[in-house]
Amino acid sequence: MKDLGPVHYFLGMEILRTPNGLSLTQSKYIKDLLTRRKMQDAKHISSPVASGRRLSLHDGAPLDDPSEYRSVVGAL
């Protein structure tokens, strides 16, 4: 076994050591995911659906490629 020094990135997580402990983020992973899906210019939103809203099978338009949506959601 070899000591590679302090870890900065592991399994899609960025690791930042602070005086109070460790901080973990996945911002690089998300940016890479958006780039792979050509969505890097997409606008962010805190919640796409209002809390308590009832959804219907008939709301919205069908997706051109539902497998792409499943792939992105599955990667999260």
PDB file of N, CA and C in Angstrom:
ATOM      1  N   MET A   1       0.840  -1.155   0.000  1.00  0.00           N
ATOM      2  CA  MET A   1       0.000   0.000   0.000  1.00  0.00           C
ATOM      3  C   MET A   1       0.896   1.232   0.000  1.00  0.00           C
ATOM      4  N   LYS A   2       0.445   2.279  -0.680  1.00  0.00           N
ATOM      5  CA  LYS A   2       1.226   3.508  -0.815  1.00  0.00           C
ATOM      6  C   LYS A   2       0.381   4.700  -0.370  1.00  0.00           C
ATOM      7  N   ASP A   3       0.960   5.588   0.424  1.00  0.00           N
ATOM      8  CA  ASP A   3       0.271   6.800   0.865  1.00  0.00           C
ATOM      9  C   ASP A   3       0.333   7.825  -0.258  1.00  0.00           C
ATOM     10  N   LEU A   4      -0.807   8.219  -0.781  1.00  0.00           N
ATOM     11  CA  LEU A   4      -0.867   9.190  -1.874  1.00  0.00           C
ATOM     12  C   LEU A   4      -1.120  10.607  -1.377  1.00  0.00           C
ATOM     13  N   GLY A   5      -1.109  10.799  -0.078  1.00  0.00           N
ATOM     14  CA  GLY A   5      -1.327  12.128   0.482  1.00  0.00           C
ATOM     15  C   GLY A   5      -2.799  12.402   0.711  1.00  0.00           C
ATOM     16  N   PRO A   6      -3.115  13.652   1.022  1.00  0.00           N
ATOM     17  CA  PRO A   6      -4.515  14.010   1.294  1.00  0.00           C
ATOM     18  C   PRO A   6      -5.408  13.785   0.069  1.00  0.00           C
ATOM     19  N   VAL A   7      -6.584  13.266   0.298  1.00  0.00           N
ATOM     20  CA  VAL A   7      -7.530  13.023  -0.789  1.00  0.00           C
ATOM     21  C   VAL A   7      -8.282  14.320  -1.104  1.00  0.00           C
ATOM     22  N   HIS A   8      -8.474  14.580  -2.396  1.00  0.00           N
ATOM     23  CA  HIS A   8      -9.215  15.767  -2.825  1.00  0.00           C
ATOM     24  C   HIS A   8     -10.467  15.393  -3.614  1.00  0.00           C
ATOM     25  N   TYR A   9     -10.439  14.219  -4.261  1.00  0.00           N
ATOM     26  CA  TYR A   9     -11.549  13.791  -5.105  1.00  0.00           C
ATOM     27  C   TYR A   9     -11.633  12.276  -5.025  1.00  0.00           C
ATOM     28  N   PHE A  10     -12.828  11.746  -4.720  1.00  0.00           N
ATOM     29  CA  PHE A  10     -12.980  10.307  -4.579  1.00  0.00           C
ATOM     30  C   PHE A  10     -14.404   9.908  -4.929  1.00  0.00           C
ATOM     31  N   LEU A  11     -14.559   8.973  -5.857  1.00  0.00           N
ATOM     32  CA  LEU A  11     -15.864   8.441  -6.257  1.00  0.00           C
ATOM     33  C   LEU A  11     -16.888   9.535  -6.554  1.00  0.00           C
ATOM     34  N   GLY A  12     -16.465  10.545  -7.301  1.00  0.00           N
ATOM     35  CA  GLY A  12     -17.383  11.608  -7.698  1.00  0.00           C
ATOM     36  C   GLY A  12     -17.601  12.679  -6.652  1.00  0.00           C
ATOM     37  N   MET A  13     -16.922  12.577  -5.514  1.00  0.00           N
ATOM     38  CA  MET A  13     -17.087  13.575  -4.453  1.00  0.00           C
ATOM     39  C   MET A  13     -15.813  14.391  -4.295  1.00  0.00           C
ATOM     40  N   GLU A  14     -15.977  15.703  -4.182  1.00  0.00           N
ATOM     41  CA  GLU A  14     -14.857  16.570  -3.842  1.00  0.00           C
ATOM     42  C   GLU A  14     -14.767  16.621  -2.328  1.00  0.00           C
ATOM     43  N   ILE A  15     -13.560  16.515  -1.814  1.00  0.00           N
ATOM     44  CA  ILE A  15     -13.352  16.471  -0.373  1.00  0.00           C
ATOM     45  C   ILE A  15     -12.493  17.657   0.032  1.00  0.00           C
ATOM     46  N   LEU A  16     -13.011  18.468   0.922  1.00  0.00           N
ATOM     47  CA  LEU A  16     -12.305  19.648   1.411  1.00  0.00           C
ATOM     48  C   LEU A  16     -12.132  19.508   2.915  1.00  0.00           C
ATOM     49  N   ARG A  17     -10.885  19.553   3.345  1.00  0.00           N
ATOM     50  CA  ARG A  17     -10.590  19.469   4.776  1.00  0.00           C
ATOM     51  C   ARG A  17     -10.627  20.874   5.364  1.00  0.00           C
ATOM     52  N   THR A  18     -11.407  21.055   6.416  1.00  0.00           N
ATOM     53  CA  THR A  18     -11.514  22.343   7.104  1.00  0.00           C
ATOM     54  C   THR A  18     -11.085  22.147   8.557  1.00  0.00           C
ATOM     55  N   PRO A  19     -10.870  23.233   9.290  1.00  0.00           N
ATOM     56  CA  PRO A  19     -10.517  23.081  10.709  1.00  0.00           C
ATOM     57  C   PRO A  19     -11.602  22.344  11.511  1.00  0.00           C
ATOM     58  N   ASN A  20     -12.842  22.385  11.039  1.00  0.00           N
ATOM     59  CA  ASN A  20     -13.950  21.738  11.750  1.00  0.00           C
ATOM     60  C   ASN A  20     -14.230  20.317  11.286  1.00  0.00           C
ATOM     61  N   GLY A  21     -13.540  19.844  10.267  1.00  0.00           N
ATOM     62  CA  GLY A  21     -13.785  18.496   9.763  1.00  0.00           C
ATOM     63  C   GLY A  21     -13.666  18.442   8.252  1.00  0.00           C
ATOM     64  N   LEU A  22     -14.476  17.603   7.637  1.00  0.00           N
ATOM     65  CA  LEU A  22     -14.463  17.436   6.186  1.00  0.00           C
ATOM     66  C   LEU A  22     -15.742  17.992   5.580  1.00  0.00           C
ATOM     67  N   SER A  23     -15.613  18.507   4.378  1.00  0.00           N
ATOM     68  CA  SER A  23     -16.769  18.975   3.621  1.00  0.00           C
ATOM     69  C   SER A  23     -16.797  18.186   2.318  1.00  0.00           C
ATOM     70  N   LEU A  24     -17.938  17.598   1.998  1.00  0.00           N
ATOM     71  CA  LEU A  24     -18.091  16.808   0.774  1.00  0.00           C
ATOM     72  C   LEU A  24     -19.064  17.508  -0.161  1.00  0.00           C
ATOM     73  N   THR A  25     -18.694  17.613  -1.436  1.00  0.00           N
ATOM     74  CA  THR A  25     -19.599  18.150  -2.447  1.00  0.00           C
ATOM     75  C   THR A  25     -19.534  17.263  -3.675  1.00  0.00           C
ATOM     76  N   GLN A  26     -20.525  17.391  -4.527  1.00  0.00           N
ATOM     77  CA  GLN A  26     -20.530  16.666  -5.795  1.00  0.00           C
ATOM     78  C   GLN A  26     -20.661  17.636  -6.963  1.00  0.00           C
ATOM     79  N   SER A  27     -20.231  18.874  -6.785  1.00  0.00           N
ATOM     80  CA  SER A  27     -20.405  19.874  -7.836  1.00  0.00           C
ATOM     81  C   SER A  27     -19.650  19.500  -9.115  1.00  0.00           C
ATOM     82  N   LYS A  28     -18.436  18.932  -9.015  1.00  0.00           N
ATOM     83  CA  LYS A  28     -17.704  18.525 -10.220  1.00  0.00           C
ATOM     84  C   LYS A  28     -18.442  17.395 -10.934  1.00  0.00           C
ATOM     85  N   TYR A  29     -18.960  16.447 -10.180  1.00  0.00           N
ATOM     86  CA  TYR A  29     -19.715  15.340 -10.761  1.00  0.00           C
ATOM     87  C   TYR A  29     -20.933  15.866 -11.521  1.00  0.00           C
ATOM     88  N   ILE A  30     -21.654  16.811 -10.925  1.00  0.00           N
ATOM     89  CA  ILE A  30     -22.844  17.381 -11.565  1.00  0.00           C
ATOM     90  C   ILE A  30     -22.453  18.158 -12.813  1.00  0.00           C
ATOM     91  N   LYS A  31     -21.375  18.951 -12.740  1.00  0.00           N
ATOM     92  CA  LYS A  31     -20.921  19.697 -13.922  1.00  0.00           C
ATOM     93  C   LYS A  31     -20.535  18.742 -15.049  1.00  0.00           C
ATOM     94  N   ASP A  32     -19.841  17.653 -14.715  1.00  0.00           N
ATOM     95  CA  ASP A  32     -19.471  16.654 -15.730  1.00  0.00           C
ATOM     96  C   ASP A  32     -20.711  15.991 -16.325  1.00  0.00           C
ATOM     97  N   LEU A  33     -21.701  15.682 -15.498  1.00  0.00           N
ATOM     98  CA  LEU A  33     -22.953  15.087 -15.974  1.00  0.00           C
ATOM     99  C   LEU A  33     -23.671  16.036 -16.927  1.00  0.00           C
ATOM    100  N   LEU A  34     -23.757  17.307 -16.561  1.00  0.00           N
ATOM    101  CA  LEU A  34     -24.403  18.300 -17.426  1.00  0.00           C
ATOM    102  C   LEU A  34     -23.651  18.448 -18.745  1.00  0.00           C
ATOM    103  N   THR A  35     -22.321  18.428 -18.699  1.00  0.00           N
ATOM    104  CA  THR A  35     -21.522  18.544 -19.922  1.00  0.00           C
ATOM    105  C   THR A  35     -21.754  17.337 -20.828  1.00  0.00           C
ATOM    106  N   ARG A  36     -21.767  16.125 -20.248  1.00  0.00           N
ATOM    107  CA  ARG A  36     -21.998  14.915 -21.061  1.00  0.00           C
ATOM    108  C   ARG A  36     -23.351  14.952 -21.754  1.00  0.00           C
ATOM    109  N   ARG A  37     -24.342  15.557 -21.115  1.00  0.00           N
ATOM    110  CA  ARG A  37     -25.693  15.630 -21.669  1.00  0.00           C
ATOM    111  C   ARG A  37     -25.950  16.927 -22.430  1.00  0.00           C
ATOM    112  N   LYS A  38     -24.876  17.712 -22.640  1.00  0.00           N
ATOM    113  CA  LYS A  38     -24.981  18.996 -23.354  1.00  0.00           C
ATOM    114  C   LYS A  38     -26.030  19.898 -22.696  1.00  0.00           C
ATOM    115  N   MET A  39     -26.017  19.911 -21.370  1.00  0.00           N
ATOM    116  CA  MET A  39     -26.974  20.715 -20.608  1.00  0.00           C
ATOM    117  C   MET A  39     -26.266  21.756 -19.742  1.00  0.00           C
ATOM    118  N   GLN A  40     -24.987  22.040 -20.038  1.00  0.00           N
ATOM    119  CA  GLN A  40     -24.221  22.938 -19.180  1.00  0.00           C
ATOM    120  C   GLN A  40     -24.775  24.361 -19.156  1.00  0.00           C
ATOM    121  N   ASP A  41     -25.587  24.750 -20.129  1.00  0.00           N
ATOM    122  CA  ASP A  41     -26.180  26.087 -20.145  1.00  0.00           C
ATOM    123  C   ASP A  41     -27.606  26.098 -19.583  1.00  0.00           C
ATOM    124  N   ALA A  42     -28.045  24.970 -19.043  1.00  0.00           N
ATOM    125  CA  ALA A  42     -29.401  24.900 -18.481  1.00  0.00           C
ATOM    126  C   ALA A  42     -29.506  25.809 -17.259  1.00  0.00           C
ATOM    127  N   LYS A  43     -30.677  26.376 -17.071  1.00  0.00           N
ATOM    128  CA  LYS A  43     -30.906  27.250 -15.919  1.00  0.00           C
ATOM    129  C   LYS A  43     -31.256  26.400 -14.705  1.00  0.00           C
ATOM    130  N   HIS A  44     -30.734  26.785 -13.549  1.00  0.00           N
ATOM    131  CA  HIS A  44     -31.026  26.029 -12.332  1.00  0.00           C
ATOM    132  C   HIS A  44     -32.324  26.529 -11.691  1.00  0.00           C
ATOM    133  N   ILE A  45     -32.909  25.663 -10.936  1.00  0.00           N
ATOM    134  CA  ILE A  45     -34.141  25.999 -10.220  1.00  0.00           C
ATOM    135  C   ILE A  45     -34.142  25.185  -8.928  1.00  0.00           C
ATOM    136  N   SER A  46     -34.637  25.766  -7.856  1.00  0.00           N
ATOM    137  CA  SER A  46     -34.593  25.059  -6.575  1.00  0.00           C
ATOM    138  C   SER A  46     -35.600  23.905  -6.540  1.00  0.00           C
ATOM    139  N   SER A  47     -36.764  24.086  -7.132  1.00  0.00           N
ATOM    140  CA  SER A  47     -37.767  23.030  -7.178  1.00  0.00           C
ATOM    141  C   SER A  47     -38.629  23.237  -8.416  1.00  0.00           C
ATOM    142  N   PRO A  48     -38.627  22.286  -9.328  1.00  0.00           N
ATOM    143  CA  PRO A  48     -39.387  22.474 -10.561  1.00  0.00           C
ATOM    144  C   PRO A  48     -40.905  22.372 -10.376  1.00  0.00           C
ATOM    145  N   VAL A  49     -41.363  21.839  -9.260  1.00  0.00           N
ATOM    146  CA  VAL A  49     -42.796  21.657  -9.039  1.00  0.00           C
ATOM    147  C   VAL A  49     -43.164  22.285  -7.695  1.00  0.00           C
ATOM    148  N   ALA A  50     -44.245  23.032  -7.693  1.00  0.00           N
ATOM    149  CA  ALA A  50     -44.708  23.646  -6.446  1.00  0.00           C
ATOM    150  C   ALA A  50     -45.080  22.561  -5.442  1.00  0.00           C
ATOM    151  N   SER A  51     -44.766  22.800  -4.196  1.00  0.00           N
ATOM    152  CA  SER A  51     -45.084  21.852  -3.135  1.00  0.00           C
ATOM    153  C   SER A  51     -46.596  21.634  -3.056  1.00  0.00           C
ATOM    154  N   GLY A  52     -47.000  20.372  -2.974  1.00  0.00           N
ATOM    155  CA  GLY A  52     -48.413  20.046  -2.837  1.00  0.00           C
ATOM    156  C   GLY A  52     -49.177  19.959  -4.145  1.00  0.00           C
ATOM    157  N   ARG A  53     -48.523  20.233  -5.264  1.00  0.00           N
ATOM    158  CA  ARG A  53     -49.220  20.179  -6.550  1.00  0.00           C
ATOM    159  C   ARG A  53     -49.528  18.732  -6.920  1.00  0.00           C
ATOM    160  N   ARG A  54     -50.726  18.509  -7.411  1.00  0.00           N
ATOM    161  CA  ARG A  54     -51.117  17.173  -7.876  1.00  0.00           C
ATOM    162  C   ARG A  54     -50.743  17.043  -9.349  1.00  0.00           C
ATOM    163  N   LEU A  55     -50.041  15.971  -9.664  1.00  0.00           N
ATOM    164  CA  LEU A  55     -49.622  15.729 -11.041  1.00  0.00           C
ATOM    165  C   LEU A  55     -50.567  14.743 -11.704  1.00  0.00           C
ATOM    166  N   SER A  56     -50.708  14.902 -13.009  1.00  0.00           N
ATOM    167  CA  SER A  56     -51.568  14.023 -13.784  1.00  0.00           C
ATOM    168  C   SER A  56     -50.749  13.403 -14.907  1.00  0.00           C
ATOM    169  N   LEU A  57     -51.135  12.242 -15.322  1.00  0.00           N
ATOM    170  CA  LEU A  57     -50.489  11.570 -16.442  1.00  0.00           C
ATOM    171  C   LEU A  57     -50.560  12.425 -17.703  1.00  0.00           C
ATOM    172  N   HIS A  58     -51.539  13.310 -17.771  1.00  0.00           N
ATOM    173  CA  HIS A  58     -51.768  14.111 -18.970  1.00  0.00           C
ATOM    174  C   HIS A  58     -51.128  15.499 -18.898  1.00  0.00           C
ATOM    175  N   ASP A  59     -50.413  15.824 -17.806  1.00  0.00           N
ATOM    176  CA  ASP A  59     -49.711  17.109 -17.688  1.00  0.00           C
ATOM    177  C   ASP A  59     -48.478  17.117 -18.583  1.00  0.00           C
ATOM    178  N   GLY A  60     -48.230  18.232 -19.249  1.00  0.00           N
ATOM    179  CA  GLY A  60     -47.013  18.404 -20.034  1.00  0.00           C
ATOM    180  C   GLY A  60     -47.018  17.619 -21.330  1.00  0.00           C
ATOM    181  N   ALA A  61     -45.962  17.831 -22.094  1.00  0.00           N
ATOM    182  CA  ALA A  61     -45.799  17.145 -23.381  1.00  0.00           C
ATOM    183  C   ALA A  61     -44.915  15.911 -23.199  1.00  0.00           C
ATOM    184  N   PRO A  62     -45.145  14.865 -23.977  1.00  0.00           N
ATOM    185  CA  PRO A  62     -44.287  13.677 -23.904  1.00  0.00           C
ATOM    186  C   PRO A  62     -42.850  14.025 -24.297  1.00  0.00           C
ATOM    187  N   LEU A  63     -41.899  13.353 -23.684  1.00  0.00           N
ATOM    188  CA  LEU A  63     -40.492  13.573 -24.011  1.00  0.00           C
ATOM    189  C   LEU A  63     -40.158  12.913 -25.337  1.00  0.00           C
ATOM    190  N   ASP A  64     -39.235  13.541 -26.081  1.00  0.00           N
ATOM    191  CA  ASP A  64     -38.777  12.939 -27.333  1.00  0.00           C
ATOM    192  C   ASP A  64     -38.063  11.620 -27.059  1.00  0.00           C
ATOM    193  N   ASP A  65     -37.233  11.610 -26.010  1.00  0.00           N
ATOM    194  CA  ASP A  65     -36.462  10.416 -25.673  1.00  0.00           C
ATOM    195  C   ASP A  65     -36.523  10.186 -24.160  1.00  0.00           C
ATOM    196  N   PRO A  66     -37.498   9.433 -23.677  1.00  0.00           N
ATOM    197  CA  PRO A  66     -37.625   9.202 -22.233  1.00  0.00           C
ATOM    198  C   PRO A  66     -36.400   8.529 -21.619  1.00  0.00           C
ATOM    199  N   SER A  67     -35.653   7.753 -22.396  1.00  0.00           N
ATOM    200  CA  SER A  67     -34.483   7.068 -21.841  1.00  0.00           C
ATOM    201  C   SER A  67     -33.399   8.064 -21.440  1.00  0.00           C
ATOM    202  N   GLU A  68     -33.301   9.197 -22.126  1.00  0.00           N
ATOM    203  CA  GLU A  68     -32.315  10.212 -21.749  1.00  0.00           C
ATOM    204  C   GLU A  68     -32.658  10.787 -20.377  1.00  0.00           C
ATOM    205  N   TYR A  69     -33.928  11.075 -20.135  1.00  0.00           N
ATOM    206  CA  TYR A  69     -34.381  11.579 -18.833  1.00  0.00           C
ATOM    207  C   TYR A  69     -34.069  10.558 -17.739  1.00  0.00           C
ATOM    208  N   ARG A  70     -34.393   9.290 -17.987  1.00  0.00           N
ATOM    209  CA  ARG A  70     -34.127   8.243 -17.000  1.00  0.00           C
ATOM    210  C   ARG A  70     -32.638   8.126 -16.713  1.00  0.00           C
ATOM    211  N   SER A  71     -31.818   8.279 -17.744  1.00  0.00           N
ATOM    212  CA  SER A  71     -30.371   8.194 -17.576  1.00  0.00           C
ATOM    213  C   SER A  71     -29.839   9.310 -16.683  1.00  0.00           C
ATOM    214  N   VAL A  72     -30.300  10.533 -16.908  1.00  0.00           N
ATOM    215  CA  VAL A  72     -29.844  11.674 -16.101  1.00  0.00           C
ATOM    216  C   VAL A  72     -30.321  11.530 -14.662  1.00  0.00           C
ATOM    217  N   VAL A  73     -31.591  11.211 -14.465  1.00  0.00           N
ATOM    218  CA  VAL A  73     -32.130  11.059 -13.109  1.00  0.00           C
ATOM    219  C   VAL A  73     -31.441   9.898 -12.401  1.00  0.00           C
ATOM    220  N   GLY A  74     -31.182   8.824 -13.111  1.00  0.00           N
ATOM    221  CA  GLY A  74     -30.505   7.675 -12.511  1.00  0.00           C
ATOM    222  C   GLY A  74     -29.076   7.967 -12.103  1.00  0.00           C
ATOM    223  N   ALA A  75     -28.440   8.930 -12.759  1.00  0.00           N
ATOM    224  CA  ALA A  75     -27.061   9.291 -12.432  1.00  0.00           C
ATOM    225  C   ALA A  75     -26.975  10.167 -11.188  1.00  0.00           C
ATOM    226  N   LEU A  76     -28.109  10.706 -10.755  1.00  0.00           N
ATOM    227  CA  LEU A  76     -28.076  11.617  -9.594  1.00  0.00           C
ATOM    228  C   LEU A  76     -27.964  10.881  -8.290  1.00  0.00           C
TER     229      LEU A  76
END
